[in-house]
Amino acid sequence: MSGAMISASSKSPSIESLGKPVAAIIDSFLKSRIHALTNSKDFPGMQPVSLDRENVGQLLCADYHVCEKSDGVRVLGLMVQKSASLNTPSTPSFFITDRKYEFREVEGMAFPNTDAGDSFHNETIVD
């Protein structure tokens, strides 16, 4: 079995199997873009919190979303145009990160912006 083709009885894929590591300068650039888009220095993705006595105070102080526990890899995606400032062509690119906040590039994946002609989504976060 290769890539992300995983059967229900198989182990979930790791983020390493979903993309290739990026250079440190690109990792820093992507984090700076996410920080600018979210106006926060923290990882913007969902963080699991158990519904137990230890966390009840935290859960009562803020709004939160509840969903089923899902097995598998949880990633945050970022659609950007690689720029000349990173010594790369200006091409649509898709990057993923997990809670470790280390980016990986998913090659060959781009998201056309159907509202803007031939352009692609840029500086768009997907969770």
N, C-alpha and C. Protein backbone atom coordinates (compact mmCIF):
# COMPACT_ATOMS: atom_id res chain seq x y z
N MET A 1 0.86 -1.17 0.00
CA MET A 1 0.00 0.00 0.00
C MET A 1 0.90 1.23 0.00
N SER A 2 0.59 2.20 -0.86
CA SER A 2 1.46 3.36 -0.94
C SER A 2 0.69 4.65 -0.72
N GLY A 3 1.44 5.71 -0.41
CA GLY A 3 0.86 7.05 -0.28
C GLY A 3 -0.24 7.11 0.75
N ALA A 4 -1.28 7.88 0.44
CA ALA A 4 -2.37 8.11 1.38
C ALA A 4 -3.51 7.13 1.18
N MET A 5 -3.33 6.12 0.34
CA MET A 5 -4.37 5.12 0.14
C MET A 5 -4.35 4.17 1.32
N ILE A 6 -5.26 4.38 2.25
CA ILE A 6 -5.27 3.63 3.50
C ILE A 6 -6.63 2.97 3.65
N SER A 7 -6.65 1.68 3.93
CA SER A 7 -7.92 1.01 4.16
C SER A 7 -8.35 1.23 5.60
N ALA A 8 -9.60 0.93 5.90
CA ALA A 8 -10.15 1.15 7.23
C ALA A 8 -9.38 0.38 8.30
N SER A 9 -8.80 -0.74 7.93
CA SER A 9 -8.10 -1.54 8.93
C SER A 9 -6.62 -1.18 9.04
N SER A 10 -6.14 -0.28 8.18
CA SER A 10 -4.73 0.09 8.19
C SER A 10 -4.44 1.20 9.18
N LYS A 11 -3.18 1.32 9.50
CA LYS A 11 -2.72 2.43 10.33
C LYS A 11 -2.88 3.73 9.54
N SER A 12 -3.22 4.81 10.23
CA SER A 12 -3.38 6.11 9.58
C SER A 12 -2.05 6.59 9.03
N PRO A 13 -2.09 7.36 7.92
CA PRO A 13 -0.84 7.87 7.37
C PRO A 13 -0.24 8.93 8.29
N SER A 14 1.04 9.12 8.20
CA SER A 14 1.69 10.18 8.96
C SER A 14 1.82 11.40 8.06
N ILE A 15 2.06 12.56 8.66
CA ILE A 15 2.22 13.78 7.86
C ILE A 15 3.43 13.64 6.94
N GLU A 16 4.41 12.85 7.33
CA GLU A 16 5.59 12.64 6.49
C GLU A 16 5.23 12.01 5.16
N SER A 17 4.18 11.21 5.12
CA SER A 17 3.78 10.57 3.87
C SER A 17 2.92 11.48 2.99
N LEU A 18 2.54 12.65 3.52
CA LEU A 18 1.64 13.53 2.79
C LEU A 18 2.34 14.68 2.08
N GLY A 19 3.60 14.89 2.34
CA GLY A 19 4.30 16.00 1.71
C GLY A 19 5.79 15.95 2.00
N LYS A 20 6.53 16.83 1.31
CA LYS A 20 7.98 16.85 1.51
C LYS A 20 8.36 18.00 2.43
N PRO A 21 9.42 17.84 3.24
CA PRO A 21 9.84 18.91 4.15
C PRO A 21 10.24 20.16 3.37
N VAL A 22 10.10 21.32 4.00
CA VAL A 22 10.49 22.58 3.37
C VAL A 22 11.75 23.11 4.05
N ALA A 23 12.47 23.95 3.33
CA ALA A 23 13.67 24.59 3.89
C ALA A 23 13.28 25.51 5.03
N ALA A 24 14.21 25.76 5.93
CA ALA A 24 13.95 26.59 7.11
C ALA A 24 13.45 27.98 6.73
N ILE A 25 13.98 28.57 5.67
CA ILE A 25 13.56 29.91 5.26
C ILE A 25 12.10 29.91 4.80
N ILE A 26 11.68 28.84 4.13
CA ILE A 26 10.28 28.75 3.69
C ILE A 26 9.38 28.49 4.89
N ASP A 27 9.82 27.64 5.82
CA ASP A 27 9.06 27.38 7.04
C ASP A 27 8.82 28.70 7.79
N SER A 28 9.85 29.51 7.94
CA SER A 28 9.71 30.81 8.62
C SER A 28 8.76 31.73 7.88
N PHE A 29 8.88 31.76 6.55
CA PHE A 29 8.00 32.59 5.74
C PHE A 29 6.54 32.17 5.92
N LEU A 30 6.27 30.86 5.86
CA LEU A 30 4.89 30.37 6.00
C LEU A 30 4.32 30.70 7.37
N LYS A 31 5.12 30.55 8.41
CA LYS A 31 4.66 30.91 9.76
C LYS A 31 4.36 32.40 9.85
N SER A 32 5.20 33.22 9.22
CA SER A 32 4.95 34.67 9.27
C SER A 32 3.66 35.02 8.54
N ARG A 33 3.35 34.32 7.46
CA ARG A 33 2.10 34.57 6.73
C ARG A 33 0.90 34.16 7.58
N ILE A 34 0.99 33.02 8.24
CA ILE A 34 -0.12 32.58 9.10
C ILE A 34 -0.29 33.55 10.26
N HIS A 35 0.80 34.00 10.86
CA HIS A 35 0.71 34.95 11.98
C HIS A 35 0.05 36.25 11.51
N ALA A 36 0.40 36.71 10.31
CA ALA A 36 -0.21 37.94 9.78
C ALA A 36 -1.69 37.74 9.48
N LEU A 37 -2.05 36.58 8.93
CA LEU A 37 -3.45 36.32 8.58
C LEU A 37 -4.34 36.14 9.80
N THR A 38 -3.79 35.57 10.87
CA THR A 38 -4.60 35.29 12.06
C THR A 38 -4.39 36.30 13.18
N ASN A 39 -3.43 37.20 13.00
CA ASN A 39 -3.10 38.19 14.03
C ASN A 39 -2.75 37.51 15.36
N SER A 40 -2.02 36.41 15.26
CA SER A 40 -1.64 35.64 16.44
C SER A 40 -0.31 34.96 16.19
N LYS A 41 0.46 34.78 17.24
CA LYS A 41 1.73 34.05 17.14
C LYS A 41 1.56 32.57 17.46
N ASP A 42 0.35 32.17 17.87
CA ASP A 42 0.09 30.79 18.24
C ASP A 42 -0.31 29.96 17.02
N PHE A 43 -0.15 28.65 17.13
CA PHE A 43 -0.63 27.75 16.09
C PHE A 43 -2.14 27.93 15.98
N PRO A 44 -2.67 28.22 14.78
CA PRO A 44 -4.08 28.55 14.65
C PRO A 44 -5.03 27.36 14.52
N GLY A 45 -4.51 26.15 14.42
CA GLY A 45 -5.37 25.00 14.21
C GLY A 45 -6.08 24.55 15.47
N MET A 46 -6.98 23.63 15.28
CA MET A 46 -7.73 23.07 16.40
C MET A 46 -6.80 22.30 17.33
N GLN A 47 -7.07 22.41 18.61
CA GLN A 47 -6.32 21.68 19.62
C GLN A 47 -7.31 20.84 20.43
N PRO A 48 -7.04 19.56 20.58
CA PRO A 48 -7.97 18.73 21.34
C PRO A 48 -7.90 19.03 22.83
N VAL A 49 -9.06 19.01 23.46
CA VAL A 49 -9.15 19.17 24.92
C VAL A 49 -10.12 18.09 25.40
N SER A 50 -9.69 17.30 26.36
CA SER A 50 -10.55 16.26 26.90
C SER A 50 -11.61 16.86 27.80
N LEU A 51 -12.80 16.29 27.75
CA LEU A 51 -13.88 16.71 28.63
C LEU A 51 -13.72 15.98 29.96
N ASP A 52 -12.86 16.52 30.81
CA ASP A 52 -12.65 15.93 32.12
C ASP A 52 -12.53 17.03 33.17
N ARG A 53 -12.48 16.65 34.43
CA ARG A 53 -12.45 17.63 35.53
C ARG A 53 -11.26 18.59 35.42
N GLU A 54 -10.15 18.09 34.96
CA GLU A 54 -8.95 18.92 34.86
C GLU A 54 -9.16 20.11 33.90
N ASN A 55 -9.97 19.93 32.88
CA ASN A 55 -10.14 20.97 31.86
C ASN A 55 -11.47 21.71 31.94
N VAL A 56 -12.33 21.39 32.88
CA VAL A 56 -13.66 21.99 32.92
C VAL A 56 -13.61 23.51 33.07
N GLY A 57 -12.68 24.03 33.86
CA GLY A 57 -12.56 25.48 34.02
C GLY A 57 -12.24 26.16 32.71
N GLN A 58 -11.32 25.60 31.97
CA GLN A 58 -10.95 26.14 30.66
C GLN A 58 -12.15 26.10 29.71
N LEU A 59 -12.90 25.03 29.75
CA LEU A 59 -14.03 24.87 28.84
C LEU A 59 -15.19 25.81 29.19
N LEU A 60 -15.31 26.19 30.45
CA LEU A 60 -16.38 27.10 30.86
C LEU A 60 -16.06 28.56 30.56
N CYS A 61 -14.79 28.88 30.34
CA CYS A 61 -14.36 30.27 30.14
C CYS A 61 -14.36 30.72 28.69
N ALA A 62 -14.54 29.83 27.76
CA ALA A 62 -14.45 30.22 26.35
C ALA A 62 -15.39 29.38 25.50
N ASP A 63 -15.77 29.93 24.37
CA ASP A 63 -16.57 29.16 23.42
C ASP A 63 -15.67 28.08 22.81
N TYR A 64 -16.27 26.98 22.45
CA TYR A 64 -15.51 25.90 21.83
C TYR A 64 -16.45 25.07 20.97
N HIS A 65 -15.86 24.29 20.10
CA HIS A 65 -16.61 23.38 19.23
C HIS A 65 -16.38 21.96 19.72
N VAL A 66 -17.39 21.15 19.59
CA VAL A 66 -17.30 19.75 19.97
C VAL A 66 -17.48 18.91 18.72
N CYS A 67 -16.62 17.91 18.57
CA CYS A 67 -16.79 16.97 17.46
C CYS A 67 -16.37 15.59 17.95
N GLU A 68 -16.68 14.61 17.14
CA GLU A 68 -16.31 13.25 17.49
C GLU A 68 -14.79 13.11 17.47
N LYS A 69 -14.29 12.14 18.20
CA LYS A 69 -12.86 11.88 18.15
C LYS A 69 -12.58 11.16 16.85
N SER A 70 -11.69 11.72 16.08
CA SER A 70 -11.34 11.14 14.79
C SER A 70 -9.91 10.62 14.85
N ASP A 71 -9.74 9.42 14.34
CA ASP A 71 -8.39 8.88 14.23
C ASP A 71 -7.77 9.40 12.95
N GLY A 72 -6.48 9.47 12.93
CA GLY A 72 -5.79 9.88 11.72
C GLY A 72 -4.97 11.13 11.91
N VAL A 73 -4.47 11.63 10.81
CA VAL A 73 -3.61 12.81 10.80
C VAL A 73 -4.47 14.06 10.71
N ARG A 74 -4.24 14.99 11.61
CA ARG A 74 -4.94 16.27 11.57
C ARG A 74 -3.95 17.31 11.06
N VAL A 75 -4.31 17.99 9.98
CA VAL A 75 -3.41 18.98 9.41
C VAL A 75 -4.14 20.29 9.16
N LEU A 76 -3.35 21.34 9.11
CA LEU A 76 -3.81 22.66 8.72
C LEU A 76 -3.16 22.94 7.38
N GLY A 77 -3.93 23.46 6.42
CA GLY A 77 -3.37 23.74 5.10
C GLY A 77 -3.24 25.23 4.86
N LEU A 78 -2.26 25.59 4.05
CA LEU A 78 -2.05 26.98 3.66
C LEU A 78 -1.80 27.02 2.16
N MET A 79 -2.64 27.79 1.46
CA MET A 79 -2.47 28.00 0.03
C MET A 79 -1.76 29.33 -0.16
N VAL A 80 -0.63 29.31 -0.86
CA VAL A 80 0.12 30.54 -1.12
C VAL A 80 0.72 30.49 -2.52
N GLN A 81 1.12 31.65 -2.99
CA GLN A 81 1.91 31.75 -4.21
C GLN A 81 3.36 31.83 -3.78
N LYS A 82 4.19 30.90 -4.23
CA LYS A 82 5.61 31.02 -3.93
C LYS A 82 6.11 32.27 -4.63
N SER A 83 6.93 33.03 -3.95
CA SER A 83 7.35 34.32 -4.50
C SER A 83 8.83 34.34 -4.84
N ALA A 84 9.20 35.33 -5.64
CA ALA A 84 10.60 35.49 -6.03
C ALA A 84 11.47 35.78 -4.81
N SER A 85 10.89 36.34 -3.75
CA SER A 85 11.69 36.64 -2.56
C SER A 85 12.22 35.37 -1.90
N LEU A 86 11.60 34.24 -2.23
CA LEU A 86 12.09 32.95 -1.71
C LEU A 86 12.91 32.23 -2.77
N ASN A 87 13.29 32.96 -3.83
CA ASN A 87 14.06 32.40 -4.94
C ASN A 87 13.35 31.23 -5.60
N THR A 88 12.05 31.32 -5.71
CA THR A 88 11.25 30.30 -6.36
C THR A 88 10.29 30.98 -7.32
N PRO A 89 9.82 30.28 -8.33
CA PRO A 89 8.86 30.89 -9.24
C PRO A 89 7.56 31.21 -8.52
N SER A 90 6.81 32.18 -9.05
CA SER A 90 5.52 32.53 -8.45
C SER A 90 4.49 31.53 -8.95
N THR A 91 4.34 30.46 -8.23
CA THR A 91 3.42 29.40 -8.61
C THR A 91 2.52 29.07 -7.43
N PRO A 92 1.29 28.62 -7.71
CA PRO A 92 0.41 28.23 -6.61
C PRO A 92 0.99 27.02 -5.89
N SER A 93 0.99 27.09 -4.58
CA SER A 93 1.56 26.00 -3.78
C SER A 93 0.66 25.72 -2.58
N PHE A 94 0.71 24.48 -2.11
CA PHE A 94 -0.09 24.07 -0.96
C PHE A 94 0.83 23.43 0.07
N PHE A 95 0.73 23.92 1.30
CA PHE A 95 1.56 23.44 2.39
C PHE A 95 0.66 22.95 3.52
N ILE A 96 1.13 21.95 4.25
CA ILE A 96 0.39 21.45 5.41
C ILE A 96 1.31 21.47 6.63
N THR A 97 0.68 21.55 7.79
CA THR A 97 1.41 21.44 9.04
C THR A 97 0.51 20.74 10.05
N ASP A 98 1.14 20.10 11.01
CA ASP A 98 0.37 19.50 12.10
C ASP A 98 0.64 20.31 13.37
N ARG A 99 0.26 19.77 14.51
CA ARG A 99 0.42 20.52 15.76
C ARG A 99 1.88 20.77 16.12
N LYS A 100 2.80 20.07 15.49
CA LYS A 100 4.23 20.35 15.72
C LYS A 100 4.64 21.64 15.02
N TYR A 101 3.80 22.14 14.12
CA TYR A 101 4.00 23.40 13.39
C TYR A 101 5.24 23.36 12.50
N GLU A 102 5.44 22.21 11.87
CA GLU A 102 6.51 22.04 10.89
C GLU A 102 5.85 21.82 9.54
N PHE A 103 6.17 22.67 8.58
CA PHE A 103 5.49 22.63 7.29
C PHE A 103 6.07 21.60 6.34
N ARG A 104 5.18 21.09 5.49
CA ARG A 104 5.54 20.18 4.41
C ARG A 104 4.79 20.66 3.18
N GLU A 105 5.42 20.53 2.02
CA GLU A 105 4.78 20.93 0.77
C GLU A 105 4.13 19.73 0.11
N VAL A 106 2.87 19.90 -0.29
CA VAL A 106 2.15 18.87 -1.03
C VAL A 106 2.25 19.27 -2.50
N GLU A 107 3.12 18.61 -3.23
CA GLU A 107 3.38 18.98 -4.62
C GLU A 107 2.22 18.59 -5.52
N GLY A 108 2.01 19.42 -6.53
CA GLY A 108 0.98 19.13 -7.53
C GLY A 108 -0.43 19.44 -7.09
N MET A 109 -0.59 20.13 -5.97
CA MET A 109 -1.93 20.46 -5.49
C MET A 109 -2.09 21.97 -5.51
N ALA A 110 -3.11 22.43 -6.23
CA ALA A 110 -3.40 23.87 -6.30
C ALA A 110 -4.91 24.03 -6.30
N PHE A 111 -5.37 25.20 -5.88
CA PHE A 111 -6.79 25.45 -5.72
C PHE A 111 -7.19 26.68 -6.53
N PRO A 112 -7.78 26.47 -7.72
CA PRO A 112 -8.20 27.60 -8.54
C PRO A 112 -9.24 28.46 -7.83
N ASN A 113 -9.13 29.75 -8.02
CA ASN A 113 -10.11 30.70 -7.49
C ASN A 113 -11.11 30.98 -8.60
N THR A 114 -12.23 30.30 -8.59
CA THR A 114 -13.19 30.41 -9.68
C THR A 114 -13.83 31.78 -9.77
N ASP A 115 -13.76 32.56 -8.70
CA ASP A 115 -14.31 33.92 -8.71
C ASP A 115 -13.37 34.93 -9.35
N ALA A 116 -12.12 34.52 -9.61
CA ALA A 116 -11.13 35.48 -10.11
C ALA A 116 -10.43 34.99 -11.37
N GLY A 117 -11.18 34.41 -12.28
CA GLY A 117 -10.60 34.00 -13.56
C GLY A 117 -9.58 32.89 -13.44
N ASP A 118 -8.38 33.16 -13.96
CA ASP A 118 -7.33 32.15 -14.00
C ASP A 118 -6.42 32.14 -12.77
N SER A 119 -6.79 32.84 -11.73
CA SER A 119 -5.91 32.91 -10.56
C SER A 119 -6.17 31.75 -9.61
N PHE A 120 -5.31 31.66 -8.61
CA PHE A 120 -5.41 30.61 -7.61
C PHE A 120 -5.57 31.25 -6.23
N HIS A 121 -6.12 30.49 -5.30
CA HIS A 121 -6.22 30.99 -3.93
C HIS A 121 -4.82 31.31 -3.42
N ASN A 122 -4.73 32.39 -2.68
CA ASN A 122 -3.45 32.83 -2.14
C ASN A 122 -3.67 33.30 -0.71
N GLU A 123 -2.75 32.89 0.17
CA GLU A 123 -2.85 33.23 1.59
C GLU A 123 -4.20 32.83 2.16
N THR A 124 -4.56 31.58 1.90
CA THR A 124 -5.82 31.01 2.37
C THR A 124 -5.51 29.83 3.28
N ILE A 125 -6.09 29.85 4.48
CA ILE A 125 -5.89 28.78 5.46
C ILE A 125 -7.10 27.86 5.43
N VAL A 126 -6.85 26.56 5.42
CA VAL A 126 -7.93 25.57 5.51
C VAL A 126 -7.63 24.63 6.67
N ASP A 127 -8.68 24.30 7.42
CA ASP A 127 -8.53 23.45 8.58
C ASP A 127 -9.39 22.22 8.40
